[in-house]
PDB file of N, CA and C in Angstrom:
ATOM      1  N   GLU A   1     -12.580  26.262  13.586  1.00  0.00           N
ATOM      2  CA  GLU A   1     -11.456  25.558  14.181  1.00  0.00           C
ATOM      3  C   GLU A   1     -10.813  24.616  13.169  1.00  0.00           C
ATOM      4  N   ASP A   2     -11.621  23.951  12.413  1.00  0.00           N
ATOM      5  CA  ASP A   2     -11.093  23.000  11.434  1.00  0.00           C
ATOM      6  C   ASP A   2     -10.198  23.700  10.412  1.00  0.00           C
ATOM      7  N   VAL A   3     -10.626  24.872   9.937  1.00  0.00           N
ATOM      8  CA  VAL A   3      -9.862  25.618   8.946  1.00  0.00           C
ATOM      9  C   VAL A   3      -8.551  26.101   9.562  1.00  0.00           C
ATOM     10  N   GLU A   4      -8.603  26.612  10.784  1.00  0.00           N
ATOM     11  CA  GLU A   4      -7.403  27.083  11.464  1.00  0.00           C
ATOM     12  C   GLU A   4      -6.412  25.940  11.672  1.00  0.00           C
ATOM     13  N   GLU A   5      -6.943  24.796  12.023  1.00  0.00           N
ATOM     14  CA  GLU A   5      -6.093  23.624  12.233  1.00  0.00           C
ATOM     15  C   GLU A   5      -5.406  23.229  10.929  1.00  0.00           C
ATOM     16  N   ARG A   6      -6.138  23.233   9.850  1.00  0.00           N
ATOM     17  CA  ARG A   6      -5.566  22.890   8.545  1.00  0.00           C
ATOM     18  C   ARG A   6      -4.487  23.880   8.140  1.00  0.00           C
ATOM     19  N   LEU A   7      -4.744  25.154   8.353  1.00  0.00           N
ATOM     20  CA  LEU A   7      -3.756  26.173   8.011  1.00  0.00           C
ATOM     21  C   LEU A   7      -2.480  26.013   8.837  1.00  0.00           C
ATOM     22  N   ALA A   8      -2.643  25.655  10.101  1.00  0.00           N
ATOM     23  CA  ALA A   8      -1.487  25.464  10.970  1.00  0.00           C
ATOM     24  C   ALA A   8      -0.642  24.274  10.510  1.00  0.00           C
ATOM     25  N   HIS A   9      -1.294  23.292   9.907  1.00  0.00           N
ATOM     26  CA  HIS A   9      -0.587  22.085   9.472  1.00  0.00           C
ATOM     27  C   HIS A   9      -0.077  22.184   8.034  1.00  0.00           C
ATOM     28  N   ALA A  10      -0.431  23.238   7.319  1.00  0.00           N
ATOM     29  CA  ALA A  10      -0.072  23.366   5.903  1.00  0.00           C
ATOM     30  C   ALA A  10       1.428  23.257   5.644  1.00  0.00           C
ATOM     31  N   PRO A  11       2.289  23.960   6.403  1.00  0.00           N
ATOM     32  CA  PRO A  11       3.727  23.820   6.125  1.00  0.00           C
ATOM     33  C   PRO A  11       4.227  22.387   6.311  1.00  0.00           C
ATOM     34  N   MET A  12       3.729  21.713   7.325  1.00  0.00           N
ATOM     35  CA  MET A  12       4.136  20.334   7.572  1.00  0.00           C
ATOM     36  C   MET A  12       3.668  19.434   6.425  1.00  0.00           C
ATOM     37  N   LEU A  13       2.458  19.663   5.943  1.00  0.00           N
ATOM     38  CA  LEU A  13       1.938  18.854   4.842  1.00  0.00           C
ATOM     39  C   LEU A  13       2.742  19.093   3.563  1.00  0.00           C
ATOM     40  N   ALA A  14       3.189  20.315   3.364  1.00  0.00           N
ATOM     41  CA  ALA A  14       4.022  20.611   2.192  1.00  0.00           C
ATOM     42  C   ALA A  14       5.345  19.864   2.288  1.00  0.00           C
ATOM     43  N   GLN A  15       5.941  19.832   3.483  1.00  0.00           N
ATOM     44  CA  GLN A  15       7.193  19.093   3.669  1.00  0.00           C
ATOM     45  C   GLN A  15       6.976  17.601   3.448  1.00  0.00           C
ATOM     46  N   LEU A  16       5.863  17.090   3.940  1.00  0.00           N
ATOM     47  CA  LEU A  16       5.560  15.677   3.753  1.00  0.00           C
ATOM     48  C   LEU A  16       5.399  15.354   2.269  1.00  0.00           C
ATOM     49  N   GLY A  17       4.703  16.217   1.547  1.00  0.00           N
ATOM     50  CA  GLY A  17       4.540  16.011   0.104  1.00  0.00           C
ATOM     51  C   GLY A  17       5.868  16.010  -0.626  1.00  0.00           C
ATOM     52  N   ALA A  18       6.755  16.936  -0.248  1.00  0.00           N
ATOM     53  CA  ALA A  18       8.083  16.989  -0.861  1.00  0.00           C
ATOM     54  C   ALA A  18       8.886  15.744  -0.522  1.00  0.00           C
ATOM     55  N   ALA A  19       8.779  15.279   0.726  1.00  0.00           N
ATOM     56  CA  ALA A  19       9.505  14.080   1.150  1.00  0.00           C
ATOM     57  C   ALA A  19       8.995  12.845   0.411  1.00  0.00           C
ATOM     58  N   LEU A  20       7.693  12.757   0.232  1.00  0.00           N
ATOM     59  CA  LEU A  20       7.119  11.622  -0.501  1.00  0.00           C
ATOM     60  C   LEU A  20       7.679  11.545  -1.917  1.00  0.00           C
ATOM     61  N   LYS A  21       7.850  12.699  -2.552  1.00  0.00           N
ATOM     62  CA  LYS A  21       8.358  12.731  -3.924  1.00  0.00           C
ATOM     63  C   LYS A  21       9.787  12.206  -4.025  1.00  0.00           C
ATOM     64  N   GLU A  22      10.516  12.241  -2.919  1.00  0.00           N
ATOM     65  CA  GLU A  22      11.904  11.773  -2.929  1.00  0.00           C
ATOM     66  C   GLU A  22      12.032  10.255  -2.792  1.00  0.00           C
ATOM     67  N   LEU A  23      10.958   9.595  -2.378  1.00  0.00           N
ATOM     68  CA  LEU A  23      11.000   8.136  -2.215  1.00  0.00           C
ATOM     69  C   LEU A  23      11.000   7.443  -3.574  1.00  0.00           C
ATOM     70  N   PRO A  24      11.584   6.247  -3.641  1.00  0.00           N
ATOM     71  CA  PRO A  24      11.428   5.436  -4.857  1.00  0.00           C
ATOM     72  C   PRO A  24       9.940   5.192  -5.118  1.00  0.00           C
ATOM     73  N   ALA A  25       9.571   5.060  -6.363  1.00  0.00           N
ATOM     74  CA  ALA A  25       8.166   4.971  -6.767  1.00  0.00           C
ATOM     75  C   ALA A  25       7.385   3.898  -6.009  1.00  0.00           C
ATOM     76  N   ALA A  26       7.922   2.698  -5.909  1.00  0.00           N
ATOM     77  CA  ALA A  26       7.189   1.602  -5.257  1.00  0.00           C
ATOM     78  C   ALA A  26       6.919   1.916  -3.788  1.00  0.00           C
ATOM     79  N   GLN A  27       7.913   2.480  -3.103  1.00  0.00           N
ATOM     80  CA  GLN A  27       7.731   2.839  -1.697  1.00  0.00           C
ATOM     81  C   GLN A  27       6.700   3.960  -1.561  1.00  0.00           C
ATOM     82  N   ARG A  28       6.809   4.965  -2.437  1.00  0.00           N
ATOM     83  CA  ARG A  28       5.869   6.093  -2.408  1.00  0.00           C
ATOM     84  C   ARG A  28       4.430   5.613  -2.600  1.00  0.00           C
ATOM     85  N   ILE A  29       4.235   4.706  -3.525  1.00  0.00           N
ATOM     86  CA  ILE A  29       2.879   4.208  -3.808  1.00  0.00           C
ATOM     87  C   ILE A  29       2.331   3.444  -2.617  1.00  0.00           C
ATOM     88  N   VAL A  30       3.127   2.551  -2.039  1.00  0.00           N
ATOM     89  CA  VAL A  30       2.654   1.755  -0.900  1.00  0.00           C
ATOM     90  C   VAL A  30       2.366   2.645   0.299  1.00  0.00           C
ATOM     91  N   VAL A  31       3.257   3.578   0.606  1.00  0.00           N
ATOM     92  CA  VAL A  31       3.030   4.491   1.741  1.00  0.00           C
ATOM     93  C   VAL A  31       1.767   5.313   1.503  1.00  0.00           C
ATOM     94  N   THR A  32       1.589   5.805   0.289  1.00  0.00           N
ATOM     95  CA  THR A  32       0.402   6.604  -0.031  1.00  0.00           C
ATOM     96  C   THR A  32      -0.868   5.791   0.134  1.00  0.00           C
ATOM     97  N   LEU A  33      -0.875   4.587  -0.412  1.00  0.00           N
ATOM     98  CA  LEU A  33      -2.076   3.749  -0.308  1.00  0.00           C
ATOM     99  C   LEU A  33      -2.385   3.371   1.132  1.00  0.00           C
ATOM    100  N   ARG A  34      -1.350   3.031   1.896  1.00  0.00           N
ATOM    101  CA  ARG A  34      -1.572   2.600   3.284  1.00  0.00           C
ATOM    102  C   ARG A  34      -1.854   3.759   4.229  1.00  0.00           C
ATOM    103  N   ASP A  35      -1.005   4.785   4.196  1.00  0.00           N
ATOM    104  CA  ASP A  35      -1.058   5.825   5.220  1.00  0.00           C
ATOM    105  C   ASP A  35      -1.902   7.036   4.850  1.00  0.00           C
ATOM    106  N   ILE A  36      -2.093   7.288   3.577  1.00  0.00           N
ATOM    107  CA  ILE A  36      -2.902   8.440   3.171  1.00  0.00           C
ATOM    108  C   ILE A  36      -4.296   7.989   2.743  1.00  0.00           C
ATOM    109  N   GLU A  37      -4.329   6.976   1.886  1.00  0.00           N
ATOM    110  CA  GLU A  37      -5.622   6.455   1.430  1.00  0.00           C
ATOM    111  C   GLU A  37      -6.252   5.487   2.435  1.00  0.00           C
ATOM    112  N   GLU A  38      -5.455   5.057   3.404  1.00  0.00           N
ATOM    113  CA  GLU A  38      -5.889   4.174   4.485  1.00  0.00           C
ATOM    114  C   GLU A  38      -6.448   2.828   4.005  1.00  0.00           C
ATOM    115  N   LEU A  39      -5.802   2.274   2.970  1.00  0.00           N
ATOM    116  CA  LEU A  39      -6.185   0.946   2.501  1.00  0.00           C
ATOM    117  C   LEU A  39      -5.532  -0.104   3.388  1.00  0.00           C
ATOM    118  N   THR A  40      -6.106  -1.284   3.406  1.00  0.00           N
ATOM    119  CA  THR A  40      -5.533  -2.386   4.179  1.00  0.00           C
ATOM    120  C   THR A  40      -4.370  -2.996   3.407  1.00  0.00           C
ATOM    121  N   SER A  41      -3.573  -3.780   4.106  1.00  0.00           N
ATOM    122  CA  SER A  41      -2.470  -4.500   3.462  1.00  0.00           C
ATOM    123  C   SER A  41      -2.987  -5.342   2.315  1.00  0.00           C
ATOM    124  N   GLN A  42      -4.043  -6.054   2.592  1.00  0.00           N
ATOM    125  CA  GLN A  42      -4.616  -6.950   1.588  1.00  0.00           C
ATOM    126  C   GLN A  42      -5.070  -6.172   0.354  1.00  0.00           C
ATOM    127  N   GLU A  43      -5.681  -5.019   0.556  1.00  0.00           N
ATOM    128  CA  GLU A  43      -6.123  -4.208  -0.577  1.00  0.00           C
ATOM    129  C   GLU A  43      -4.927  -3.730  -1.403  1.00  0.00           C
ATOM    130  N   VAL A  44      -3.873  -3.292  -0.729  1.00  0.00           N
ATOM    131  CA  VAL A  44      -2.681  -2.816  -1.436  1.00  0.00           C
ATOM    132  C   VAL A  44      -2.048  -3.954  -2.229  1.00  0.00           C
ATOM    133  N   CYS A  45      -1.936  -5.113  -1.605  1.00  0.00           N
ATOM    134  CA  CYS A  45      -1.363  -6.276  -2.304  1.00  0.00           C
ATOM    135  C   CYS A  45      -2.177  -6.626  -3.539  1.00  0.00           C
ATOM    136  N   SER A  46      -3.472  -6.561  -3.417  1.00  0.00           N
ATOM    137  CA  SER A  46      -4.353  -6.880  -4.537  1.00  0.00           C
ATOM    138  C   SER A  46      -4.213  -5.856  -5.663  1.00  0.00           C
ATOM    139  N   ILE A  47      -4.212  -4.583  -5.314  1.00  0.00           N
ATOM    140  CA  ILE A  47      -4.107  -3.520  -6.317  1.00  0.00           C
ATOM    141  C   ILE A  47      -2.773  -3.586  -7.051  1.00  0.00           C
ATOM    142  N   LEU A  48      -1.696  -3.755  -6.288  1.00  0.00           N
ATOM    143  CA  LEU A  48      -0.355  -3.727  -6.876  1.00  0.00           C
ATOM    144  C   LEU A  48       0.140  -5.086  -7.341  1.00  0.00           C
ATOM    145  N   GLU A  49      -0.640  -6.122  -7.019  1.00  0.00           N
ATOM    146  CA  GLU A  49      -0.275  -7.494  -7.368  1.00  0.00           C
ATOM    147  C   GLU A  49       1.114  -7.846  -6.831  1.00  0.00           C
ATOM    148  N   ILE A  50       1.283  -7.601  -5.524  1.00  0.00           N
ATOM    149  CA  ILE A  50       2.533  -7.932  -4.840  1.00  0.00           C
ATOM    150  C   ILE A  50       2.208  -8.808  -3.635  1.00  0.00           C
ATOM    151  N   SER A  51       3.231  -9.479  -3.118  1.00  0.00           N
ATOM    152  CA  SER A  51       3.028 -10.344  -1.952  1.00  0.00           C
ATOM    153  C   SER A  51       2.918  -9.501  -0.683  1.00  0.00           C
ATOM    154  N   ALA A  52       2.374 -10.101   0.348  1.00  0.00           N
ATOM    155  CA  ALA A  52       2.253  -9.421   1.641  1.00  0.00           C
ATOM    156  C   ALA A  52       3.634  -9.064   2.187  1.00  0.00           C
ATOM    157  N   VAL A  53       4.592  -9.954   1.992  1.00  0.00           N
ATOM    158  CA  VAL A  53       5.960  -9.695   2.466  1.00  0.00           C
ATOM    159  C   VAL A  53       6.535  -8.484   1.740  1.00  0.00           C
ATOM    160  N   ASN A  54       6.393  -8.439   0.432  1.00  0.00           N
ATOM    161  CA  ASN A  54       6.902  -7.316  -0.348  1.00  0.00           C
ATOM    162  C   ASN A  54       6.230  -6.016   0.082  1.00  0.00           C
ATOM    163  N   GLN A  55       4.935  -6.039   0.310  1.00  0.00           N
ATOM    164  CA  GLN A  55       4.207  -4.857   0.750  1.00  0.00           C
ATOM    165  C   GLN A  55       4.745  -4.358   2.085  1.00  0.00           C
ATOM    166  N   ARG A  56       4.999  -5.276   3.020  1.00  0.00           N
ATOM    167  CA  ARG A  56       5.522  -4.879   4.341  1.00  0.00           C
ATOM    168  C   ARG A  56       6.915  -4.272   4.216  1.00  0.00           C
ATOM    169  N   VAL A  57       7.756  -4.861   3.368  1.00  0.00           N
ATOM    170  CA  VAL A  57       9.113  -4.338   3.179  1.00  0.00           C
ATOM    171  C   VAL A  57       9.059  -2.935   2.572  1.00  0.00           C
ATOM    172  N   LEU A  58       8.253  -2.771   1.527  1.00  0.00           N
ATOM    173  CA  LEU A  58       8.134  -1.455   0.893  1.00  0.00           C
ATOM    174  C   LEU A  58       7.584  -0.412   1.857  1.00  0.00           C
ATOM    175  N   LEU A  59       6.607  -0.801   2.657  1.00  0.00           N
ATOM    176  CA  LEU A  59       6.017   0.124   3.624  1.00  0.00           C
ATOM    177  C   LEU A  59       7.041   0.508   4.690  1.00  0.00           C
ATOM    178  N   HIS A  60       7.752  -0.464   5.216  1.00  0.00           N
ATOM    179  CA  HIS A  60       8.760  -0.191   6.237  1.00  0.00           C
ATOM    180  C   HIS A  60       9.861   0.722   5.688  1.00  0.00           C
ATOM    181  N   ARG A  61      10.371   0.395   4.515  1.00  0.00           N
ATOM    182  CA  ARG A  61      11.433   1.209   3.917  1.00  0.00           C
ATOM    183  C   ARG A  61      10.931   2.611   3.576  1.00  0.00           C
ATOM    184  N   GLY A  62       9.707   2.692   3.085  1.00  0.00           N
ATOM    185  CA  GLY A  62       9.132   3.997   2.753  1.00  0.00           C
ATOM    186  C   GLY A  62       8.961   4.876   3.978  1.00  0.00           C
ATOM    187  N   ARG A  63       8.427   4.304   5.049  1.00  0.00           N
ATOM    188  CA  ARG A  63       8.256   5.078   6.280  1.00  0.00           C
ATOM    189  C   ARG A  63       9.598   5.496   6.855  1.00  0.00           C
ATOM    190  N   ALA A  64      10.573   4.591   6.837  1.00  0.00           N
ATOM    191  CA  ALA A  64      11.911   4.918   7.343  1.00  0.00           C
ATOM    192  C   ALA A  64      12.545   6.017   6.488  1.00  0.00           C
ATOM    193  N   GLY A  65      12.355   5.928   5.179  1.00  0.00           N
ATOM    194  CA  GLY A  65      12.886   6.953   4.282  1.00  0.00           C
ATOM    195  C   GLY A  65      12.254   8.305   4.538  1.00  0.00           C
ATOM    196  N   LEU A  66      10.949   8.320   4.722  1.00  0.00           N
ATOM    197  CA  LEU A  66      10.260   9.575   5.042  1.00  0.00           C
ATOM    198  C   LEU A  66      10.800  10.174   6.331  1.00  0.00           C
ATOM    199  N   ARG A  67      10.987   9.330   7.308  1.00  0.00           N
ATOM    200  CA  ARG A  67      11.507   9.798   8.603  1.00  0.00           C
ATOM    201  C   ARG A  67      12.866  10.469   8.409  1.00  0.00           C
ATOM    202  N   ARG A  68      13.752   9.811   7.664  1.00  0.00           N
ATOM    203  CA  ARG A  68      15.094  10.377   7.424  1.00  0.00           C
ATOM    204  C   ARG A  68      15.022  11.700   6.665  1.00  0.00           C
ATOM    205  N   ILE A  69      14.200  11.735   5.633  1.00  0.00           N
ATOM    206  CA  ILE A  69      14.085  12.933   4.807  1.00  0.00           C
ATOM    207  C   ILE A  69      13.523  14.095   5.622  1.00  0.00           C
ATOM    208  N   ILE A  70      12.479  13.845   6.386  1.00  0.00           N
ATOM    209  CA  ILE A  70      11.869  14.911   7.182  1.00  0.00           C
ATOM    210  C   ILE A  70      12.814  15.380   8.284  1.00  0.00           C
ATOM    211  N   GLU A  71      13.525  14.453   8.911  1.00  0.00           N
ATOM    212  CA  GLU A  71      14.514  14.847   9.937  1.00  0.00           C
ATOM    213  C   GLU A  71      15.575  15.749   9.313  1.00  0.00           C
ATOM    214  N   ALA A  72      16.026  15.411   8.112  1.00  0.00           N
ATOM    215  CA  ALA A  72      17.033  16.224   7.433  1.00  0.00           C
ATOM    216  C   ALA A  72      16.471  17.605   7.106  1.00  0.00           C
ATOM    217  N   MET A  73      15.209  17.672   6.683  1.00  0.00           N
ATOM    218  CA  MET A  73      14.566  18.955   6.401  1.00  0.00           C
ATOM    219  C   MET A  73      14.505  19.816   7.663  1.00  0.00           C
ATOM    220  N   LEU A  74      14.111  19.190   8.769  1.00  0.00           N
ATOM    221  CA  LEU A  74      13.989  19.924  10.029  1.00  0.00           C
ATOM    222  C   LEU A  74      15.339  20.412  10.526  1.00  0.00           C
ATOM    223  N   GLU A  75      16.360  19.585  10.373  1.00  0.00           N
ATOM    224  CA  GLU A  75      17.715  19.992  10.799  1.00  0.00           C
ATOM    225  C   GLU A  75      18.220  21.136   9.919  1.00  0.00           C
ATOM    226  N   GLY A  76      17.912  21.071   8.647  1.00  0.00           N
ATOM    227  CA  GLY A  76      18.343  22.120   7.735  1.00  0.00           C
ATOM    228  C   GLY A  76      17.609  23.436   7.949  1.00  0.00           C
ATOM    229  N   GLY A  77      16.374  23.332   8.425  1.00  0.00           N
ATOM    230  CA  GLY A  77      15.574  24.533   8.664  1.00  0.00           C
ATOM    231  C   GLY A  77      15.766  25.132  10.032  1.00  0.00           C
ATOM    232  N   ALA A  78      16.438  24.389  10.929  1.00  0.00           N
ATOM    233  CA  ALA A  78      16.605  24.880  12.301  1.00  0.00           C
ATOM    234  C   ALA A  78      17.763  25.834  12.428  1.00  0.00           C
TER     235      ALA A  78
END
């Protein structure tokens, strides 16, 4: 079941990977660390040596950017 589930999600994961590449570097890094690597805000701030406010802004903008990019991909593929 696990393998079948992964295969079913493969196209979506490919789109997500492509969308991530379109983000500005700082946003891509913060989104990756928070949402893929599942690090805490504090850990991300420490690693990147940025403020908590900056981390939240980058994360918000990155997630919003991903949403826009993926929506555009889905509209183009429909």
